[in-house]
Amino acid sequence: FKGEWDKVITHANAIYTDGNYKANIRQYTGSLYNLTFA
């Protein structure tokens, strides 16, 4: 919101120290795929 882009990147990088966002975001084509609607 403040437009401080470097700080956005710094804080986002700090969430996962290994940098692996891909394995930690919502897995619509992975673990969520075969679940029933309920």
PDB file of all heavy atoms in Angstrom:
ATOM      1  N   PHE A   1       0.831  -1.204   0.000  1.00  0.00           N
ATOM      2  CA  PHE A   1       0.000   0.000   0.000  1.00  0.00           C
ATOM      3  C   PHE A   1       0.866   1.254   0.000  1.00  0.00           C
ATOM      4  O   PHE A   1       0.523   2.247  -0.652  1.00  0.00           O
ATOM      5  CB  PHE A   1      -0.916   0.007   1.222  1.00  0.00           C
ATOM      6  CG  PHE A   1      -2.253  -0.641   1.007  1.00  0.00           C
ATOM      7  CD1 PHE A   1      -2.383  -2.022   0.997  1.00  0.00           C
ATOM      8  CD2 PHE A   1      -3.398   0.118   0.821  1.00  0.00           C
ATOM      9  CE1 PHE A   1      -3.622  -2.630   0.808  1.00  0.00           C
ATOM     10  CE2 PHE A   1      -4.635  -0.477   0.623  1.00  0.00           C
ATOM     11  CZ  PHE A   1      -4.757  -1.853   0.615  1.00  0.00           C
ATOM     12  N   LYS A   2       1.984   1.227   0.729  1.00  0.00           N
ATOM     13  CA  LYS A   2       2.862   2.391   0.805  1.00  0.00           C
ATOM     14  C   LYS A   2       3.734   2.576  -0.433  1.00  0.00           C
ATOM     15  O   LYS A   2       4.315   3.636  -0.637  1.00  0.00           O
ATOM     16  CB  LYS A   2       3.779   2.296   2.035  1.00  0.00           C
ATOM     17  CG  LYS A   2       3.096   2.574   3.355  1.00  0.00           C
ATOM     18  CD  LYS A   2       4.114   2.907   4.443  1.00  0.00           C
ATOM     19  CE  LYS A   2       4.673   4.301   4.236  1.00  0.00           C
ATOM     20  NZ  LYS A   2       5.703   4.631   5.264  1.00  0.00           N
ATOM     21  N   GLY A   3       3.829   1.533  -1.245  1.00  0.00           N
ATOM     22  CA  GLY A   3       4.666   1.622  -2.431  1.00  0.00           C
ATOM     23  C   GLY A   3       6.145   1.514  -2.142  1.00  0.00           C
ATOM     24  O   GLY A   3       6.980   1.989  -2.923  1.00  0.00           O
ATOM     25  N   GLU A   4       6.493   0.877  -1.032  1.00  0.00           N
ATOM     26  CA  GLU A   4       7.909   0.661  -0.698  1.00  0.00           C
ATOM     27  C   GLU A   4       8.268  -0.754  -1.132  1.00  0.00           C
ATOM     28  O   GLU A   4       8.229  -1.706  -0.350  1.00  0.00           O
ATOM     29  CB  GLU A   4       8.134   0.906   0.796  1.00  0.00           C
ATOM     30  CG  GLU A   4       7.841   2.345   1.196  1.00  0.00           C
ATOM     31  CD  GLU A   4       8.233   2.670   2.622  1.00  0.00           C
ATOM     32  OE1 GLU A   4       9.171   2.030   3.154  1.00  0.00           O
ATOM     33  OE2 GLU A   4       7.608   3.572   3.219  1.00  0.00           O
ATOM     34  N   TRP A   5       8.632  -0.860  -2.391  1.00  0.00           N
ATOM     35  CA  TRP A   5       8.742  -2.166  -3.055  1.00  0.00           C
ATOM     36  C   TRP A   5       9.838  -3.036  -2.467  1.00  0.00           C
ATOM     37  O   TRP A   5       9.662  -4.259  -2.338  1.00  0.00           O
ATOM     38  CB  TRP A   5       8.961  -1.965  -4.552  1.00  0.00           C
ATOM     39  CG  TRP A   5       8.076  -0.913  -5.153  1.00  0.00           C
ATOM     40  CD1 TRP A   5       8.465   0.210  -5.827  1.00  0.00           C
ATOM     41  CD2 TRP A   5       6.636  -0.855  -5.118  1.00  0.00           C
ATOM     42  NE1 TRP A   5       7.376   0.962  -6.211  1.00  0.00           N
ATOM     43  CE2 TRP A   5       6.239   0.321  -5.792  1.00  0.00           C
ATOM     44  CE3 TRP A   5       5.650  -1.686  -4.571  1.00  0.00           C
ATOM     45  CZ2 TRP A   5       4.904   0.694  -5.952  1.00  0.00           C
ATOM     46  CZ3 TRP A   5       4.316  -1.327  -4.718  1.00  0.00           C
ATOM     47  CH2 TRP A   5       3.956  -0.164  -5.397  1.00  0.00           C
ATOM     48  N   ASP A   6      10.975  -2.450  -2.110  1.00  0.00           N
ATOM     49  CA  ASP A   6      12.059  -3.254  -1.545  1.00  0.00           C
ATOM     50  C   ASP A   6      11.655  -3.879  -0.213  1.00  0.00           C
ATOM     51  O   ASP A   6      12.024  -5.019   0.095  1.00  0.00           O
ATOM     52  CB  ASP A   6      13.318  -2.403  -1.364  1.00  0.00           C
ATOM     53  CG  ASP A   6      13.997  -2.068  -2.692  1.00  0.00           C
ATOM     54  OD1 ASP A   6      13.823  -2.842  -3.652  1.00  0.00           O
ATOM     55  OD2 ASP A   6      14.680  -1.027  -2.761  1.00  0.00           O
ATOM     56  N   LYS A   7      10.882  -3.138   0.589  1.00  0.00           N
ATOM     57  CA  LYS A   7      10.421  -3.684   1.871  1.00  0.00           C
ATOM     58  C   LYS A   7       9.404  -4.804   1.655  1.00  0.00           C
ATOM     59  O   LYS A   7       9.379  -5.775   2.420  1.00  0.00           O
ATOM     60  CB  LYS A   7       9.829  -2.569   2.738  1.00  0.00           C
ATOM     61  CG  LYS A   7      10.888  -1.614   3.292  1.00  0.00           C
ATOM     62  CD  LYS A   7      10.273  -0.605   4.251  1.00  0.00           C
ATOM     63  CE  LYS A   7      11.347   0.311   4.824  1.00  0.00           C
ATOM     64  NZ  LYS A   7      10.782   1.313   5.767  1.00  0.00           N
ATOM     65  N   VAL A   8       8.572  -4.666   0.643  1.00  0.00           N
ATOM     66  CA  VAL A   8       7.641  -5.744   0.319  1.00  0.00           C
ATOM     67  C   VAL A   8       8.406  -7.029   0.030  1.00  0.00           C
ATOM     68  O   VAL A   8       8.094  -8.101   0.562  1.00  0.00           O
ATOM     69  CB  VAL A   8       6.763  -5.374  -0.895  1.00  0.00           C
ATOM     70  CG1 VAL A   8       5.898  -6.572  -1.312  1.00  0.00           C
ATOM     71  CG2 VAL A   8       5.883  -4.175  -0.596  1.00  0.00           C
ATOM     72  N   ILE A   9       9.423  -6.913  -0.790  1.00  0.00           N
ATOM     73  CA  ILE A   9      10.224  -8.081  -1.173  1.00  0.00           C
ATOM     74  C   ILE A   9      10.949  -8.659   0.036  1.00  0.00           C
ATOM     75  O   ILE A   9      10.971  -9.882   0.240  1.00  0.00           O
ATOM     76  CB  ILE A   9      11.216  -7.689  -2.289  1.00  0.00           C
ATOM     77  CG1 ILE A   9      10.445  -7.328  -3.564  1.00  0.00           C
ATOM     78  CG2 ILE A   9      12.207  -8.820  -2.552  1.00  0.00           C
ATOM     79  CD1 ILE A   9      11.288  -6.619  -4.619  1.00  0.00           C
ATOM     80  N   THR A  10      11.519  -7.798   0.864  1.00  0.00           N
ATOM     81  CA  THR A  10      12.250  -8.261   2.049  1.00  0.00           C
ATOM     82  C   THR A  10      11.334  -9.048   2.984  1.00  0.00           C
ATOM     83  O   THR A  10      11.686 -10.136   3.457  1.00  0.00           O
ATOM     84  CB  THR A  10      12.868  -7.072   2.800  1.00  0.00           C
ATOM     85  OG1 THR A  10      13.842  -6.447   1.957  1.00  0.00           O
ATOM     86  CG2 THR A  10      13.524  -7.523   4.097  1.00  0.00           C
ATOM     87  N   HIS A  11      10.156  -8.509   3.244  1.00  0.00           N
ATOM     88  CA  HIS A  11       9.240  -9.181   4.173  1.00  0.00           C
ATOM     89  C   HIS A  11       8.666 -10.457   3.558  1.00  0.00           C
ATOM     90  O   HIS A  11       8.515 -11.470   4.260  1.00  0.00           O
ATOM     91  CB  HIS A  11       8.129  -8.234   4.602  1.00  0.00           C
ATOM     92  CG  HIS A  11       8.566  -7.209   5.602  1.00  0.00           C
ATOM     93  ND1 HIS A  11       8.851  -7.530   6.908  1.00  0.00           N
ATOM     94  CD2 HIS A  11       8.791  -5.876   5.471  1.00  0.00           C
ATOM     95  CE1 HIS A  11       9.223  -6.431   7.560  1.00  0.00           C
ATOM     96  NE2 HIS A  11       9.188  -5.417   6.714  1.00  0.00           N
ATOM     97  N   ALA A  12       8.361 -10.429   2.281  1.00  0.00           N
ATOM     98  CA  ALA A  12       7.858 -11.649   1.639  1.00  0.00           C
ATOM     99  C   ALA A  12       8.930 -12.732   1.627  1.00  0.00           C
ATOM    100  O   ALA A  12       8.632 -13.917   1.841  1.00  0.00           O
ATOM    101  CB  ALA A  12       7.394 -11.341   0.217  1.00  0.00           C
ATOM    102  N   ASN A  13      10.174 -12.353   1.407  1.00  0.00           N
ATOM    103  CA  ASN A  13      11.273 -13.330   1.418  1.00  0.00           C
ATOM    104  C   ASN A  13      11.456 -13.960   2.790  1.00  0.00           C
ATOM    105  O   ASN A  13      11.875 -15.116   2.906  1.00  0.00           O
ATOM    106  CB  ASN A  13      12.583 -12.652   1.013  1.00  0.00           C
ATOM    107  CG  ASN A  13      12.662 -12.346  -0.471  1.00  0.00           C
ATOM    108  OD1 ASN A  13      11.875 -12.869  -1.271  1.00  0.00           O
ATOM    109  ND2 ASN A  13      13.595 -11.489  -0.856  1.00  0.00           N
ATOM    110  N   ALA A  14      11.143 -13.206   3.847  1.00  0.00           N
ATOM    111  CA  ALA A  14      11.375 -13.686   5.211  1.00  0.00           C
ATOM    112  C   ALA A  14      10.360 -14.735   5.653  1.00  0.00           C
ATOM    113  O   ALA A  14      10.573 -15.411   6.662  1.00  0.00           O
ATOM    114  CB  ALA A  14      11.355 -12.508   6.185  1.00  0.00           C
ATOM    115  N   ILE A  15       9.264 -14.893   4.926  1.00  0.00           N
ATOM    116  CA  ILE A  15       8.228 -15.829   5.349  1.00  0.00           C
ATOM    117  C   ILE A  15       8.707 -17.271   5.231  1.00  0.00           C
ATOM    118  O   ILE A  15       8.484 -18.093   6.127  1.00  0.00           O
ATOM    119  CB  ILE A  15       6.937 -15.609   4.528  1.00  0.00           C
ATOM    120  CG1 ILE A  15       6.364 -14.218   4.846  1.00  0.00           C
ATOM    121  CG2 ILE A  15       5.895 -16.696   4.838  1.00  0.00           C
ATOM    122  CD1 ILE A  15       5.197 -13.814   3.977  1.00  0.00           C
ATOM    123  N   TYR A  16       9.375 -17.574   4.129  1.00  0.00           N
ATOM    124  CA  TYR A  16       9.926 -18.921   3.928  1.00  0.00           C
ATOM    125  C   TYR A  16      11.425 -18.798   3.706  1.00  0.00           C
ATOM    126  O   TYR A  16      11.867 -18.311   2.664  1.00  0.00           O
ATOM    127  CB  TYR A  16       9.255 -19.618   2.737  1.00  0.00           C
ATOM    128  CG  TYR A  16       7.777 -19.830   2.940  1.00  0.00           C
ATOM    129  CD1 TYR A  16       6.850 -19.111   2.192  1.00  0.00           C
ATOM    130  CD2 TYR A  16       7.306 -20.730   3.893  1.00  0.00           C
ATOM    131  CE1 TYR A  16       5.489 -19.286   2.394  1.00  0.00           C
ATOM    132  CE2 TYR A  16       5.955 -20.909   4.102  1.00  0.00           C
ATOM    133  CZ  TYR A  16       5.043 -20.177   3.349  1.00  0.00           C
ATOM    134  OH  TYR A  16       3.705 -20.355   3.566  1.00  0.00           O
ATOM    135  N   THR A  17      12.180 -19.233   4.682  1.00  0.00           N
ATOM    136  CA  THR A  17      13.633 -19.064   4.608  1.00  0.00           C
ATOM    137  C   THR A  17      14.253 -19.858   3.471  1.00  0.00           C
ATOM    138  O   THR A  17      15.318 -19.508   2.969  1.00  0.00           O
ATOM    139  CB  THR A  17      14.289 -19.467   5.936  1.00  0.00           C
ATOM    140  OG1 THR A  17      13.894 -20.810   6.267  1.00  0.00           O
ATOM    141  CG2 THR A  17      13.853 -18.531   7.051  1.00  0.00           C
ATOM    142  N   ASP A  18      13.574 -20.953   3.051  1.00  0.00           N
ATOM    143  CA  ASP A  18      14.094 -21.733   1.936  1.00  0.00           C
ATOM    144  C   ASP A  18      13.604 -21.203   0.584  1.00  0.00           C
ATOM    145  O   ASP A  18      13.971 -21.725  -0.466  1.00  0.00           O
ATOM    146  CB  ASP A  18      13.732 -23.216   2.070  1.00  0.00           C
ATOM    147  CG  ASP A  18      12.225 -23.452   2.036  1.00  0.00           C
ATOM    148  OD1 ASP A  18      11.448 -22.478   1.952  1.00  0.00           O
ATOM    149  OD2 ASP A  18      11.817 -24.633   2.091  1.00  0.00           O
ATOM    150  N   GLY A  19      12.765 -20.170   0.614  1.00  0.00           N
ATOM    151  CA  GLY A  19      12.284 -19.556  -0.618  1.00  0.00           C
ATOM    152  C   GLY A  19      11.245 -20.355  -1.372  1.00  0.00           C
ATOM    153  O   GLY A  19      10.870 -19.985  -2.486  1.00  0.00           O
ATOM    154  N   ASN A  20      10.750 -21.438  -0.773  1.00  0.00           N
ATOM    155  CA  ASN A  20       9.873 -22.346  -1.519  1.00  0.00           C
ATOM    156  C   ASN A  20       8.394 -21.977  -1.337  1.00  0.00           C
ATOM    157  O   ASN A  20       7.654 -22.634  -0.612  1.00  0.00           O
ATOM    158  CB  ASN A  20      10.115 -23.793  -1.089  1.00  0.00           C
ATOM    159  CG  ASN A  20       9.412 -24.787  -2.000  1.00  0.00           C
ATOM    160  OD1 ASN A  20       8.748 -24.413  -2.968  1.00  0.00           O
ATOM    161  ND2 ASN A  20       9.553 -26.061  -1.697  1.00  0.00           N
ATOM    162  N   TYR A  21       7.969 -20.921  -2.002  1.00  0.00           N
ATOM    163  CA  TYR A  21       6.557 -20.551  -1.974  1.00  0.00           C
ATOM    164  C   TYR A  21       5.691 -21.575  -2.700  1.00  0.00           C
ATOM    165  O   TYR A  21       4.567 -21.865  -2.285  1.00  0.00           O
ATOM    166  CB  TYR A  21       6.358 -19.184  -2.641  1.00  0.00           C
ATOM    167  CG  TYR A  21       6.345 -18.030  -1.668  1.00  0.00           C
ATOM    168  CD1 TYR A  21       7.502 -17.309  -1.402  1.00  0.00           C
ATOM    169  CD2 TYR A  21       5.176 -17.657  -1.023  1.00  0.00           C
ATOM    170  CE1 TYR A  21       7.493 -16.239  -0.520  1.00  0.00           C
ATOM    171  CE2 TYR A  21       5.151 -16.594  -0.134  1.00  0.00           C
ATOM    172  CZ  TYR A  21       6.317 -15.879   0.112  1.00  0.00           C
ATOM    173  OH  TYR A  21       6.296 -14.835   1.000  1.00  0.00           O
ATOM    174  N   LYS A  22       6.208 -22.106  -3.782  1.00  0.00           N
ATOM    175  CA  LYS A  22       5.417 -22.983  -4.643  1.00  0.00           C
ATOM    176  C   LYS A  22       4.819 -24.153  -3.869  1.00  0.00           C
ATOM    177  O   LYS A  22       3.683 -24.565  -4.126  1.00  0.00           O
ATOM    178  CB  LYS A  22       6.281 -23.496  -5.787  1.00  0.00           C
ATOM    179  CG  LYS A  22       5.535 -24.309  -6.825  1.00  0.00           C
ATOM    180  CD  LYS A  22       6.442 -24.667  -7.990  1.00  0.00           C
ATOM    181  CE  LYS A  22       5.721 -25.517  -9.015  1.00  0.00           C
ATOM    182  NZ  LYS A  22       6.590 -25.836 -10.177  1.00  0.00           N
ATOM    183  N   ALA A  23       5.555 -24.697  -2.899  1.00  0.00           N
ATOM    184  CA  ALA A  23       5.065 -25.845  -2.132  1.00  0.00           C
ATOM    185  C   ALA A  23       4.159 -25.443  -0.982  1.00  0.00           C
ATOM    186  O   ALA A  23       3.507 -26.300  -0.384  1.00  0.00           O
ATOM    187  CB  ALA A  23       6.251 -26.645  -1.590  1.00  0.00           C
ATOM    188  N   ASN A  24       4.100 -24.140  -0.677  1.00  0.00           N
ATOM    189  CA  ASN A  24       3.379 -23.695   0.513  1.00  0.00           C
ATOM    190  C   ASN A  24       2.100 -22.935   0.231  1.00  0.00           C
ATOM    191  O   ASN A  24       1.338 -22.656   1.156  1.00  0.00           O
ATOM    192  CB  ASN A  24       4.308 -22.835   1.369  1.00  0.00           C
ATOM    193  CG  ASN A  24       5.338 -23.654   2.111  1.00  0.00           C
ATOM    194  OD1 ASN A  24       5.008 -24.420   3.007  1.00  0.00           O
ATOM    195  ND2 ASN A  24       6.601 -23.518   1.728  1.00  0.00           N
ATOM    196  N   ILE A  25       1.852 -22.573  -1.032  1.00  0.00           N
ATOM    197  CA  ILE A  25       0.605 -21.884  -1.353  1.00  0.00           C
ATOM    198  C   ILE A  25      -0.501 -22.908  -1.594  1.00  0.00           C
ATOM    199  O   ILE A  25      -0.263 -24.117  -1.582  1.00  0.00           O
ATOM    200  CB  ILE A  25       0.776 -20.948  -2.564  1.00  0.00           C
ATOM    201  CG1 ILE A  25       1.257 -21.713  -3.803  1.00  0.00           C
ATOM    202  CG2 ILE A  25       1.732 -19.818  -2.221  1.00  0.00           C
ATOM    203  CD1 ILE A  25       1.413 -20.853  -5.041  1.00  0.00           C
ATOM    204  N   ARG A  26      -1.722 -22.451  -1.780  1.00  0.00           N
ATOM    205  CA  ARG A  26      -2.875 -23.338  -1.950  1.00  0.00           C
ATOM    206  C   ARG A  26      -2.665 -24.272  -3.144  1.00  0.00           C
ATOM    207  O   ARG A  26      -2.410 -23.821  -4.258  1.00  0.00           O
ATOM    208  CB  ARG A  26      -4.140 -22.503  -2.140  1.00  0.00           C
ATOM    209  CG  ARG A  26      -4.525 -21.718  -0.897  1.00  0.00           C
ATOM    210  CD  ARG A  26      -5.483 -20.584  -1.211  1.00  0.00           C
ATOM    211  NE  ARG A  26      -5.987 -19.944   0.008  1.00  0.00           N
ATOM    212  CZ  ARG A  26      -6.621 -18.771   0.029  1.00  0.00           C
ATOM    213  NH1 ARG A  26      -6.818 -18.112  -1.098  1.00  0.00           N
ATOM    214  NH2 ARG A  26      -7.060 -18.263   1.154  1.00  0.00           N
ATOM    215  N   GLN A  27      -2.831 -25.551  -2.894  1.00  0.00           N
ATOM    216  CA  GLN A  27      -2.499 -26.570  -3.890  1.00  0.00           C
ATOM    217  C   GLN A  27      -3.765 -27.063  -4.605  1.00  0.00           C
ATOM    218  O   GLN A  27      -4.225 -28.173  -4.406  1.00  0.00           O
ATOM    219  CB  GLN A  27      -1.762 -27.723  -3.219  1.00  0.00           C
ATOM    220  CG  GLN A  27      -0.487 -27.320  -2.505  1.00  0.00           C
ATOM    221  CD  GLN A  27       0.600 -26.841  -3.461  1.00  0.00           C
ATOM    222  OE1 GLN A  27       0.898 -27.502  -4.462  1.00  0.00           O
ATOM    223  NE2 GLN A  27       1.199 -25.704  -3.159  1.00  0.00           N
ATOM    224  N   TYR A  28      -4.313 -26.205  -5.473  1.00  0.00           N
ATOM    225  CA  TYR A  28      -5.529 -26.570  -6.194  1.00  0.00           C
ATOM    226  C   TYR A  28      -5.321 -27.761  -7.124  1.00  0.00           C
ATOM    227  O   TYR A  28      -6.245 -28.534  -7.371  1.00  0.00           O
ATOM    228  CB  TYR A  28      -6.050 -25.381  -6.993  1.00  0.00           C
ATOM    229  CG  TYR A  28      -7.031 -24.524  -6.234  1.00  0.00           C
ATOM    230  CD1 TYR A  28      -6.585 -23.502  -5.392  1.00  0.00           C
ATOM    231  CD2 TYR A  28      -8.396 -24.733  -6.332  1.00  0.00           C
ATOM    232  CE1 TYR A  28      -7.477 -22.710  -4.695  1.00  0.00           C
ATOM    233  CE2 TYR A  28      -9.302 -23.957  -5.637  1.00  0.00           C
ATOM    234  CZ  TYR A  28      -8.841 -22.941  -4.820  1.00  0.00           C
ATOM    235  OH  TYR A  28      -9.734 -22.169  -4.113  1.00  0.00           O
ATOM    236  N   THR A  29      -4.124 -27.910  -7.655  1.00  0.00           N
ATOM    237  CA  THR A  29      -3.842 -29.051  -8.534  1.00  0.00           C
ATOM    238  C   THR A  29      -3.063 -30.139  -7.802  1.00  0.00           C
ATOM    239  O   THR A  29      -2.619 -31.101  -8.418  1.00  0.00           O
ATOM    240  CB  THR A  29      -3.056 -28.590  -9.772  1.00  0.00           C
ATOM    241  OG1 THR A  29      -1.827 -27.963  -9.359  1.00  0.00           O
ATOM    242  CG2 THR A  29      -3.860 -27.594 -10.591  1.00  0.00           C
ATOM    243  N   GLY A  30      -2.928 -29.972  -6.491  1.00  0.00           N
ATOM    244  CA  GLY A  30      -2.202 -30.947  -5.687  1.00  0.00           C
ATOM    245  C   GLY A  30      -3.081 -31.545  -4.617  1.00  0.00           C
ATOM    246  O   GLY A  30      -4.042 -32.249  -4.900  1.00  0.00           O
ATOM    247  N   SER A  31      -2.782 -31.214  -3.348  1.00  0.00           N
ATOM    248  CA  SER A  31      -3.475 -31.866  -2.237  1.00  0.00           C
ATOM    249  C   SER A  31      -4.962 -31.546  -2.164  1.00  0.00           C
ATOM    250  O   SER A  31      -5.741 -32.312  -1.586  1.00  0.00           O
ATOM    251  CB  SER A  31      -2.807 -31.473  -0.909  1.00  0.00           C
ATOM    252  OG  SER A  31      -2.869 -30.068  -0.704  1.00  0.00           O
ATOM    253  N   LEU A  32      -5.402 -30.435  -2.749  1.00  0.00           N
ATOM    254  CA  LEU A  32      -6.820 -30.088  -2.741  1.00  0.00           C
ATOM    255  C   LEU A  32      -7.596 -30.712  -3.903  1.00  0.00           C
ATOM    256  O   LEU A  32      -8.821 -30.666  -3.926  1.00  0.00           O
ATOM    257  CB  LEU A  32      -6.992 -28.556  -2.802  1.00  0.00           C
ATOM    258  CG  LEU A  32      -6.484 -27.749  -1.604  1.00  0.00           C
ATOM    259  CD1 LEU A  32      -6.536 -26.248  -1.914  1.00  0.00           C
ATOM    260  CD2 LEU A  32      -7.301 -28.047  -0.352  1.00  0.00           C
ATOM    261  N   TYR A  33      -6.866 -31.313  -4.840  1.00  0.00           N
ATOM    262  CA  TYR A  33      -7.488 -31.687  -6.117  1.00  0.00           C
ATOM    263  C   TYR A  33      -8.572 -32.754  -5.975  1.00  0.00           C
ATOM    264  O   TYR A  33      -9.658 -32.631  -6.551  1.00  0.00           O
ATOM    265  CB  TYR A  33      -6.408 -32.174  -7.089  1.00  0.00           C
ATOM    266  CG  TYR A  33      -6.937 -32.449  -8.477  1.00  0.00           C
ATOM    267  CD1 TYR A  33      -7.090 -31.410  -9.392  1.00  0.00           C
ATOM    268  CD2 TYR A  33      -7.275 -33.736  -8.886  1.00  0.00           C
ATOM    269  CE1 TYR A  33      -7.575 -31.644 -10.672  1.00  0.00           C
ATOM    270  CE2 TYR A  33      -7.767 -33.976 -10.156  1.00  0.00           C
ATOM    271  CZ  TYR A  33      -7.915 -32.925 -11.039  1.00  0.00           C
ATOM    272  OH  TYR A  33      -8.407 -33.159 -12.298  1.00  0.00           O
ATOM    273  N   ASN A  34      -8.296 -33.810  -5.251  1.00  0.00           N
ATOM    274  CA  ASN A  34      -9.216 -34.954  -5.197  1.00  0.00           C
ATOM    275  C   ASN A  34     -10.238 -34.880  -4.073  1.00  0.00           C
ATOM    276  O   ASN A  34     -10.997 -35.832  -3.856  1.00  0.00           O
ATOM    277  CB  ASN A  34      -8.418 -36.262  -5.072  1.00  0.00           C
ATOM    278  CG  ASN A  34      -7.671 -36.587  -6.356  1.00  0.00           C
ATOM    279  OD1 ASN A  34      -8.197 -36.427  -7.454  1.00  0.00           O
ATOM    280  ND2 ASN A  34      -6.418 -37.034  -6.217  1.00  0.00           N
ATOM    281  N   LEU A  35     -10.288 -33.770  -3.376  1.00  0.00           N
ATOM    282  CA  LEU A  35     -11.237 -33.645  -2.273  1.00  0.00           C
ATOM    283  C   LEU A  35     -12.659 -33.497  -2.792  1.00  0.00           C
ATOM    284  O   LEU A  35     -12.898 -32.934  -3.856  1.00  0.00           O
ATOM    285  CB  LEU A  35     -10.884 -32.438  -1.410  1.00  0.00           C
ATOM    286  CG  LEU A  35      -9.505 -32.434  -0.748  1.00  0.00           C
ATOM    287  CD1 LEU A  35      -9.310 -31.144   0.033  1.00  0.00           C
ATOM    288  CD2 LEU A  35      -9.352 -33.638   0.175  1.00  0.00           C
ATOM    289  N   THR A  36     -13.602 -33.991  -2.016  1.00  0.00           N
ATOM    290  CA  THR A  36     -14.999 -33.788  -2.356  1.00  0.00           C
ATOM    291  C   THR A  36     -15.361 -32.332  -2.116  1.00  0.00           C
ATOM    292  O   THR A  36     -14.622 -31.570  -1.481  1.00  0.00           O
ATOM    293  CB  THR A  36     -15.917 -34.675  -1.508  1.00  0.00           C
ATOM    294  OG1 THR A  36     -15.826 -34.241  -0.135  1.00  0.00           O
ATOM    295  CG2 THR A  36     -15.527 -36.147  -1.617  1.00  0.00           C
ATOM    296  N   PHE A  37     -16.536 -31.959  -2.615  1.00  0.00           N
ATOM    297  CA  PHE A  37     -17.007 -30.584  -2.438  1.00  0.00           C
ATOM    298  C   PHE A  37     -17.121 -30.248  -0.950  1.00  0.00           C
ATOM    299  O   PHE A  37     -16.778 -29.141  -0.532  1.00  0.00           O
ATOM    300  CB  PHE A  37     -18.369 -30.419  -3.126  1.00  0.00           C
ATOM    301  CG  PHE A  37     -18.855 -29.000  -3.180  1.00  0.00           C
ATOM    302  CD1 PHE A  37     -18.333 -28.102  -4.100  1.00  0.00           C
ATOM    303  CD2 PHE A  37     -19.847 -28.562  -2.315  1.00  0.00           C
ATOM    304  CE1 PHE A  37     -18.788 -26.786  -4.153  1.00  0.00           C
ATOM    305  CE2 PHE A  37     -20.308 -27.243  -2.355  1.00  0.00           C
ATOM    306  CZ  PHE A  37     -19.773 -26.364  -3.287  1.00  0.00           C
ATOM    307  N   ALA A  38     -17.556 -31.199  -0.150  1.00  0.00           N
ATOM    308  CA  ALA A  38     -17.705 -30.964   1.293  1.00  0.00           C
ATOM    309  C   ALA A  38     -16.356 -30.926   2.001  1.00  0.00           C
ATOM    310  O   ALA A  38     -16.175 -30.188   2.984  1.00  0.00           O
ATOM    311  CB  ALA A  38     -18.585 -32.051   1.904  1.00  0.00           C
TER     312      ALA A  38
END
